[in-house]
Amino acid sequence: VQNVETLLNIAAAAEGHPVTHKYVTVGGAVRTP
């Protein structure tokens, strides 16, 4: 079982790129989710 975002990180790793960034949802009681 692999998470969708993990797949993107695997693709980047295959191209020699380490994990340096993250996708984060900011939501709930915020002005602009």
PDB file of all heavy atoms in Angstrom:
ATOM      1  N   VAL A   1       0.847  -1.193   0.000  1.00  0.00           N
ATOM      2  CA  VAL A   1       0.000   0.000   0.000  1.00  0.00           C
ATOM      3  C   VAL A   1       0.881   1.240   0.000  1.00  0.00           C
ATOM      4  O   VAL A   1       1.747   1.389   0.867  1.00  0.00           O
ATOM      5  CB  VAL A   1      -0.938   0.021   1.229  1.00  0.00           C
ATOM      6  CG1 VAL A   1      -1.857   1.251   1.172  1.00  0.00           C
ATOM      7  CG2 VAL A   1      -1.762  -1.258   1.303  1.00  0.00           C
ATOM      8  N   GLN A   2       0.649   2.107  -0.985  1.00  0.00           N
ATOM      9  CA  GLN A   2       1.413   3.356  -1.070  1.00  0.00           C
ATOM     10  C   GLN A   2       0.465   4.532  -1.261  1.00  0.00           C
ATOM     11  O   GLN A   2      -0.454   4.481  -2.079  1.00  0.00           O
ATOM     12  CB  GLN A   2       2.397   3.315  -2.253  1.00  0.00           C
ATOM     13  CG  GLN A   2       3.535   2.329  -2.099  1.00  0.00           C
ATOM     14  CD  GLN A   2       4.591   2.781  -1.099  1.00  0.00           C
ATOM     15  OE1 GLN A   2       4.395   3.746  -0.372  1.00  0.00           O
ATOM     16  NE2 GLN A   2       5.704   2.099  -1.058  1.00  0.00           N
ATOM     17  N   ASN A   3       0.717   5.589  -0.508  1.00  0.00           N
ATOM     18  CA  ASN A   3      -0.028   6.829  -0.622  1.00  0.00           C
ATOM     19  C   ASN A   3       0.295   7.532  -1.941  1.00  0.00           C
ATOM     20  O   ASN A   3       1.387   7.379  -2.483  1.00  0.00           O
ATOM     21  CB  ASN A   3       0.330   7.704   0.587  1.00  0.00           C
ATOM     22  CG  ASN A   3      -0.130   9.117   0.463  1.00  0.00           C
ATOM     23  OD1 ASN A   3       0.645   9.988   0.069  1.00  0.00           O
ATOM     24  ND2 ASN A   3      -1.373   9.363   0.807  1.00  0.00           N
ATOM     25  N   VAL A   4      -0.644   8.301  -2.466  1.00  0.00           N
ATOM     26  CA  VAL A   4      -0.469   8.979  -3.760  1.00  0.00           C
ATOM     27  C   VAL A   4       0.751   9.893  -3.755  1.00  0.00           C
ATOM     28  O   VAL A   4       1.585   9.850  -4.671  1.00  0.00           O
ATOM     29  CB  VAL A   4      -1.735   9.783  -4.126  1.00  0.00           C
ATOM     30  CG1 VAL A   4      -1.480  10.663  -5.350  1.00  0.00           C
ATOM     31  CG2 VAL A   4      -2.903   8.843  -4.391  1.00  0.00           C
ATOM     32  N   GLU A   5       0.877  10.735  -2.736  1.00  0.00           N
ATOM     33  CA  GLU A   5       2.019  11.657  -2.698  1.00  0.00           C
ATOM     34  C   GLU A   5       3.337  10.903  -2.575  1.00  0.00           C
ATOM     35  O   GLU A   5       4.358  11.328  -3.130  1.00  0.00           O
ATOM     36  CB  GLU A   5       1.871  12.640  -1.532  1.00  0.00           C
ATOM     37  CG  GLU A   5       2.961  13.709  -1.519  1.00  0.00           C
ATOM     38  CD  GLU A   5       2.843  14.675  -0.366  1.00  0.00           C
ATOM     39  OE1 GLU A   5       1.859  14.600   0.398  1.00  0.00           O
ATOM     40  OE2 GLU A   5       3.751  15.529  -0.217  1.00  0.00           O
ATOM     41  N   THR A   6       3.320   9.774  -1.878  1.00  0.00           N
ATOM     42  CA  THR A   6       4.529   8.967  -1.769  1.00  0.00           C
ATOM     43  C   THR A   6       4.991   8.516  -3.152  1.00  0.00           C
ATOM     44  O   THR A   6       6.199   8.457  -3.419  1.00  0.00           O
ATOM     45  CB  THR A   6       4.284   7.740  -0.869  1.00  0.00           C
ATOM     46  OG1 THR A   6       3.736   8.181   0.382  1.00  0.00           O
ATOM     47  CG2 THR A   6       5.584   6.992  -0.604  1.00  0.00           C
ATOM     48  N   LEU A   7       4.047   8.206  -4.033  1.00  0.00           N
ATOM     49  CA  LEU A   7       4.406   7.808  -5.397  1.00  0.00           C
ATOM     50  C   LEU A   7       5.175   8.915  -6.113  1.00  0.00           C
ATOM     51  O   LEU A   7       6.156   8.651  -6.825  1.00  0.00           O
ATOM     52  CB  LEU A   7       3.158   7.436  -6.201  1.00  0.00           C
ATOM     53  CG  LEU A   7       2.894   5.934  -6.347  1.00  0.00           C
ATOM     54  CD1 LEU A   7       2.585   5.319  -4.990  1.00  0.00           C
ATOM     55  CD2 LEU A   7       1.763   5.658  -7.334  1.00  0.00           C
ATOM     56  N   LEU A   8       4.748  10.155  -5.929  1.00  0.00           N
ATOM     57  CA  LEU A   8       5.467  11.270  -6.549  1.00  0.00           C
ATOM     58  C   LEU A   8       6.885  11.377  -5.996  1.00  0.00           C
ATOM     59  O   LEU A   8       7.836  11.678  -6.734  1.00  0.00           O
ATOM     60  CB  LEU A   8       4.723  12.586  -6.317  1.00  0.00           C
ATOM     61  CG  LEU A   8       3.471  12.845  -7.154  1.00  0.00           C
ATOM     62  CD1 LEU A   8       2.904  14.216  -6.834  1.00  0.00           C
ATOM     63  CD2 LEU A   8       3.767  12.737  -8.650  1.00  0.00           C
ATOM     64  N   ASN A   9       7.043  11.139  -4.704  1.00  0.00           N
ATOM     65  CA  ASN A   9       8.379  11.182  -4.096  1.00  0.00           C
ATOM     66  C   ASN A   9       9.251  10.039  -4.599  1.00  0.00           C
ATOM     67  O   ASN A   9      10.467  10.191  -4.734  1.00  0.00           O
ATOM     68  CB  ASN A   9       8.266  11.144  -2.577  1.00  0.00           C
ATOM     69  CG  ASN A   9       7.685  12.428  -2.005  1.00  0.00           C
ATOM     70  OD1 ASN A   9       7.775  13.494  -2.613  1.00  0.00           O
ATOM     71  ND2 ASN A   9       7.069  12.337  -0.839  1.00  0.00           N
ATOM     72  N   ILE A  10       8.641   8.885  -4.877  1.00  0.00           N
ATOM     73  CA  ILE A  10       9.381   7.763  -5.450  1.00  0.00           C
ATOM     74  C   ILE A  10       9.845   8.119  -6.857  1.00  0.00           C
ATOM     75  O   ILE A  10      10.989   7.832  -7.242  1.00  0.00           O
ATOM     76  CB  ILE A  10       8.510   6.485  -5.464  1.00  0.00           C
ATOM     77  CG1 ILE A  10       8.228   6.021  -4.033  1.00  0.00           C
ATOM     78  CG2 ILE A  10       9.181   5.372  -6.258  1.00  0.00           C
ATOM     79  CD1 ILE A  10       7.209   4.898  -3.934  1.00  0.00           C
ATOM     80  N   ALA A  11       8.982   8.760  -7.624  1.00  0.00           N
ATOM     81  CA  ALA A  11       9.347   9.185  -8.980  1.00  0.00           C
ATOM     82  C   ALA A  11      10.516  10.167  -8.943  1.00  0.00           C
ATOM     83  O   ALA A  11      11.448  10.081  -9.752  1.00  0.00           O
ATOM     84  CB  ALA A  11       8.142   9.816  -9.674  1.00  0.00           C
ATOM     85  N   ALA A  12      10.475  11.092  -7.995  1.00  0.00           N
ATOM     86  CA  ALA A  12      11.567  12.064  -7.859  1.00  0.00           C
ATOM     87  C   ALA A  12      12.853  11.365  -7.437  1.00  0.00           C
ATOM     88  O   ALA A  12      13.946  11.702  -7.913  1.00  0.00           O
ATOM     89  CB  ALA A  12      11.183  13.140  -6.856  1.00  0.00           C
ATOM     90  N   ALA A  13      12.739  10.386  -6.529  1.00  0.00           N
ATOM     91  CA  ALA A  13      13.913   9.643  -6.061  1.00  0.00           C
ATOM     92  C   ALA A  13      14.581   8.907  -7.215  1.00  0.00           C
ATOM     93  O   ALA A  13      15.809   8.824  -7.286  1.00  0.00           O
ATOM     94  CB  ALA A  13      13.508   8.668  -4.961  1.00  0.00           C
ATOM     95  N   ALA A  14      13.783   8.361  -8.132  1.00  0.00           N
ATOM     96  CA  ALA A  14      14.331   7.647  -9.286  1.00  0.00           C
ATOM     97  C   ALA A  14      15.114   8.577 -10.208  1.00  0.00           C
ATOM     98  O   ALA A  14      15.964   8.124 -10.990  1.00  0.00           O
ATOM     99  CB  ALA A  14      13.197   6.977 -10.070  1.00  0.00           C
ATOM    100  N   GLU A  15      14.842   9.882 -10.092  1.00  0.00           N
ATOM    101  CA  GLU A  15      15.566  10.890 -10.880  1.00  0.00           C
ATOM    102  C   GLU A  15      16.699  11.527 -10.079  1.00  0.00           C
ATOM    103  O   GLU A  15      17.330  12.486 -10.529  1.00  0.00           O
ATOM    104  CB  GLU A  15      14.582  11.961 -11.348  1.00  0.00           C
ATOM    105  CG  GLU A  15      13.485  11.423 -12.269  1.00  0.00           C
ATOM    106  CD  GLU A  15      12.344  12.410 -12.463  1.00  0.00           C
ATOM    107  OE1 GLU A  15      12.335  13.459 -11.766  1.00  0.00           O
ATOM    108  OE2 GLU A  15      11.469  12.144 -13.302  1.00  0.00           O
ATOM    109  N   GLY A  16      16.928  11.002  -8.869  1.00  0.00           N
ATOM    110  CA  GLY A  16      18.039  11.490  -8.056  1.00  0.00           C
ATOM    111  C   GLY A  16      17.717  12.644  -7.138  1.00  0.00           C
ATOM    112  O   GLY A  16      18.629  13.288  -6.599  1.00  0.00           O
ATOM    113  N   HIS A  17      16.419  12.925  -6.918  1.00  0.00           N
ATOM    114  CA  HIS A  17      16.036  14.065  -6.085  1.00  0.00           C
ATOM    115  C   HIS A  17      15.573  13.607  -4.704  1.00  0.00           C
ATOM    116  O   HIS A  17      14.674  12.767  -4.603  1.00  0.00           O
ATOM    117  CB  HIS A  17      14.912  14.862  -6.755  1.00  0.00           C
ATOM    118  CG  HIS A  17      15.236  15.326  -8.138  1.00  0.00           C
ATOM    119  ND1 HIS A  17      16.333  16.115  -8.422  1.00  0.00           N
ATOM    120  CD2 HIS A  17      14.620  15.081  -9.331  1.00  0.00           C
ATOM    121  CE1 HIS A  17      16.378  16.363  -9.717  1.00  0.00           C
ATOM    122  NE2 HIS A  17      15.361  15.740 -10.302  1.00  0.00           N
ATOM    123  N   PRO A  18      16.129  14.147  -3.640  1.00  0.00           N
ATOM    124  CA  PRO A  18      15.681  13.789  -2.285  1.00  0.00           C
ATOM    125  C   PRO A  18      14.345  14.455  -1.950  1.00  0.00           C
ATOM    126  O   PRO A  18      13.890  15.366  -2.657  1.00  0.00           O
ATOM    127  CB  PRO A  18      16.803  14.336  -1.397  1.00  0.00           C
ATOM    128  CG  PRO A  18      17.331  15.510  -2.163  1.00  0.00           C
ATOM    129  CD  PRO A  18      17.243  15.115  -3.620  1.00  0.00           C
ATOM    130  N   VAL A  19      13.757  14.011  -0.859  1.00  0.00           N
ATOM    131  CA  VAL A  19      12.498  14.609  -0.414  1.00  0.00           C
ATOM    132  C   VAL A  19      12.806  15.911   0.324  1.00  0.00           C
ATOM    133  O   VAL A  19      13.402  15.892   1.402  1.00  0.00           O
ATOM    134  CB  VAL A  19      11.725  13.650   0.523  1.00  0.00           C
ATOM    135  CG1 VAL A  19      10.421  14.297   0.982  1.00  0.00           C
ATOM    136  CG2 VAL A  19      11.434  12.337  -0.174  1.00  0.00           C
ATOM    137  N   THR A  20      12.408  17.020  -0.268  1.00  0.00           N
ATOM    138  CA  THR A  20      12.666  18.330   0.339  1.00  0.00           C
ATOM    139  C   THR A  20      11.394  19.148   0.535  1.00  0.00           C
ATOM    140  O   THR A  20      11.397  20.123   1.278  1.00  0.00           O
ATOM    141  CB  THR A  20      13.636  19.162  -0.523  1.00  0.00           C
ATOM    142  OG1 THR A  20      13.065  19.329  -1.835  1.00  0.00           O
ATOM    143  CG2 THR A  20      14.991  18.463  -0.641  1.00  0.00           C
ATOM    144  N   HIS A  21      10.303  18.763  -0.150  1.00  0.00           N
ATOM    145  CA  HIS A  21       9.063  19.531  -0.094  1.00  0.00           C
ATOM    146  C   HIS A  21       7.882  18.630   0.270  1.00  0.00           C
ATOM    147  O   HIS A  21       7.952  17.417   0.143  1.00  0.00           O
ATOM    148  CB  HIS A  21       8.779  20.221  -1.429  1.00  0.00           C
ATOM    149  CG  HIS A  21       9.659  21.407  -1.691  1.00  0.00           C
ATOM    150  ND1 HIS A  21      11.015  21.292  -1.919  1.00  0.00           N
ATOM    151  CD2 HIS A  21       9.370  22.742  -1.739  1.00  0.00           C
ATOM    152  CE1 HIS A  21      11.531  22.496  -2.108  1.00  0.00           C
ATOM    153  NE2 HIS A  21      10.563  23.382  -2.001  1.00  0.00           N
ATOM    154  N   LYS A  22       6.804  19.269   0.698  1.00  0.00           N
ATOM    155  CA  LYS A  22       5.616  18.541   1.134  1.00  0.00           C
ATOM    156  C   LYS A  22       4.357  19.261   0.672  1.00  0.00           C
ATOM    157  O   LYS A  22       4.293  20.482   0.689  1.00  0.00           O
ATOM    158  CB  LYS A  22       5.600  18.458   2.671  1.00  0.00           C
ATOM    159  CG  LYS A  22       4.533  17.550   3.225  1.00  0.00           C
ATOM    160  CD  LYS A  22       4.902  16.109   3.042  1.00  0.00           C
ATOM    161  CE  LYS A  22       3.813  15.169   3.575  1.00  0.00           C
ATOM    162  NZ  LYS A  22       2.571  15.194   2.801  1.00  0.00           N
ATOM    163  N   TYR A  23       3.367  18.476   0.250  1.00  0.00           N
ATOM    164  CA  TYR A  23       2.042  19.021  -0.051  1.00  0.00           C
ATOM    165  C   TYR A  23       1.216  18.988   1.222  1.00  0.00           C
ATOM    166  O   TYR A  23       1.096  17.940   1.869  1.00  0.00           O
ATOM    167  CB  TYR A  23       1.350  18.203  -1.136  1.00  0.00           C
ATOM    168  CG  TYR A  23       1.962  18.349  -2.511  1.00  0.00           C
ATOM    169  CD1 TYR A  23       2.949  17.462  -2.942  1.00  0.00           C
ATOM    170  CD2 TYR A  23       1.554  19.362  -3.374  1.00  0.00           C
ATOM    171  CE1 TYR A  23       3.519  17.588  -4.201  1.00  0.00           C
ATOM    172  CE2 TYR A  23       2.113  19.493  -4.648  1.00  0.00           C
ATOM    173  CZ  TYR A  23       3.096  18.601  -5.044  1.00  0.00           C
ATOM    174  OH  TYR A  23       3.659  18.733  -6.293  1.00  0.00           O
ATOM    175  N   VAL A  24       0.641  20.130   1.597  1.00  0.00           N
ATOM    176  CA  VAL A  24      -0.121  20.227   2.844  1.00  0.00           C
ATOM    177  C   VAL A  24      -1.427  20.979   2.583  1.00  0.00           C
ATOM    178  O   VAL A  24      -1.409  22.096   2.052  1.00  0.00           O
ATOM    179  CB  VAL A  24       0.671  20.969   3.944  1.00  0.00           C
ATOM    180  CG1 VAL A  24      -0.137  21.023   5.239  1.00  0.00           C
ATOM    181  CG2 VAL A  24       2.016  20.298   4.187  1.00  0.00           C
ATOM    182  N   THR A  25      -2.541  20.368   2.952  1.00  0.00           N
ATOM    183  CA  THR A  25      -3.829  21.064   2.903  1.00  0.00           C
ATOM    184  C   THR A  25      -3.992  21.883   4.175  1.00  0.00           C
ATOM    185  O   THR A  25      -3.893  21.339   5.271  1.00  0.00           O
ATOM    186  CB  THR A  25      -4.997  20.069   2.793  1.00  0.00           C
ATOM    187  OG1 THR A  25      -4.938  19.404   1.535  1.00  0.00           O
ATOM    188  CG2 THR A  25      -6.337  20.788   2.893  1.00  0.00           C
ATOM    189  N   VAL A  26      -4.234  23.173   4.026  1.00  0.00           N
ATOM    190  CA  VAL A  26      -4.571  24.024   5.170  1.00  0.00           C
ATOM    191  C   VAL A  26      -6.071  24.285   5.060  1.00  0.00           C
ATOM    192  O   VAL A  26      -6.538  24.901   4.099  1.00  0.00           O
ATOM    193  CB  VAL A  26      -3.785  25.350   5.154  1.00  0.00           C
ATOM    194  CG1 VAL A  26      -4.099  26.167   6.410  1.00  0.00           C
ATOM    195  CG2 VAL A  26      -2.291  25.083   5.060  1.00  0.00           C
ATOM    196  N   GLY A  27      -6.825  23.762   6.016  1.00  0.00           N
ATOM    197  CA  GLY A  27      -8.277  23.835   5.890  1.00  0.00           C
ATOM    198  C   GLY A  27      -8.981  24.001   7.213  1.00  0.00           C
ATOM    199  O   GLY A  27      -8.364  24.277   8.250  1.00  0.00           O
ATOM    200  N   GLY A  28     -10.298  23.817   7.166  1.00  0.00           N
ATOM    201  CA  GLY A  28     -11.111  24.030   8.354  1.00  0.00           C
ATOM    202  C   GLY A  28     -11.516  25.486   8.465  1.00  0.00           C
ATOM    203  O   GLY A  28     -11.870  26.127   7.463  1.00  0.00           O
ATOM    204  N   ALA A  29     -11.415  26.040   9.652  1.00  0.00           N
ATOM    205  CA  ALA A  29     -11.845  27.416   9.909  1.00  0.00           C
ATOM    206  C   ALA A  29     -10.750  28.409   9.551  1.00  0.00           C
ATOM    207  O   ALA A  29     -10.237  29.154  10.397  1.00  0.00           O
ATOM    208  CB  ALA A  29     -12.263  27.564  11.371  1.00  0.00           C
ATOM    209  N   VAL A  30     -10.348  28.406   8.264  1.00  0.00           N
ATOM    210  CA  VAL A  30      -9.365  29.372   7.760  1.00  0.00           C
ATOM    211  C   VAL A  30     -10.011  30.181   6.634  1.00  0.00           C
ATOM    212  O   VAL A  30     -10.989  29.753   6.021  1.00  0.00           O
ATOM    213  CB  VAL A  30      -8.079  28.680   7.251  1.00  0.00           C
ATOM    214  CG1 VAL A  30      -7.381  27.962   8.391  1.00  0.00           C
ATOM    215  CG2 VAL A  30      -8.389  27.711   6.115  1.00  0.00           C
ATOM    216  N   ARG A  31      -9.440  31.335   6.355  1.00  0.00           N
ATOM    217  CA  ARG A  31     -10.053  32.237   5.379  1.00  0.00           C
ATOM    218  C   ARG A  31     -10.045  31.667   3.968  1.00  0.00           C
ATOM    219  O   ARG A  31     -11.022  31.748   3.238  1.00  0.00           O
ATOM    220  CB  ARG A  31      -9.330  33.594   5.407  1.00  0.00           C
ATOM    221  CG  ARG A  31     -10.095  34.714   4.702  1.00  0.00           C
ATOM    222  CD  ARG A  31      -9.491  36.069   5.040  1.00  0.00           C
ATOM    223  NE  ARG A  31      -9.420  36.281   6.488  1.00  0.00           N
ATOM    224  CZ  ARG A  31     -10.450  36.629   7.234  1.00  0.00           C
ATOM    225  NH1 ARG A  31     -11.643  36.810   6.683  1.00  0.00           N
ATOM    226  NH2 ARG A  31     -10.303  36.816   8.538  1.00  0.00           N
ATOM    227  N   THR A  32      -8.934  31.072   3.566  1.00  0.00           N
ATOM    228  CA  THR A  32      -8.820  30.536   2.207  1.00  0.00           C
ATOM    229  C   THR A  32      -8.236  29.127   2.252  1.00  0.00           C
ATOM    230  O   THR A  32      -7.013  28.954   2.171  1.00  0.00           O
ATOM    231  CB  THR A  32      -7.917  31.436   1.332  1.00  0.00           C
ATOM    232  OG1 THR A  32      -8.322  32.801   1.451  1.00  0.00           O
ATOM    233  CG2 THR A  32      -7.989  31.007  -0.132  1.00  0.00           C
ATOM    234  N   PRO A  33      -9.087  28.112   2.390  1.00  0.00           N
ATOM    235  CA  PRO A  33      -8.564  26.734   2.407  1.00  0.00           C
ATOM    236  C   PRO A  33      -7.805  26.435   1.113  1.00  0.00           C
ATOM    237  O   PRO A  33      -8.308  26.646   0.016  1.00  0.00           O
ATOM    238  CB  PRO A  33      -9.835  25.881   2.509  1.00  0.00           C
ATOM    239  CG  PRO A  33     -10.852  26.789   3.137  1.00  0.00           C
ATOM    240  CD  PRO A  33     -10.544  28.153   2.583  1.00  0.00           C
TER     241      PRO A  33
END
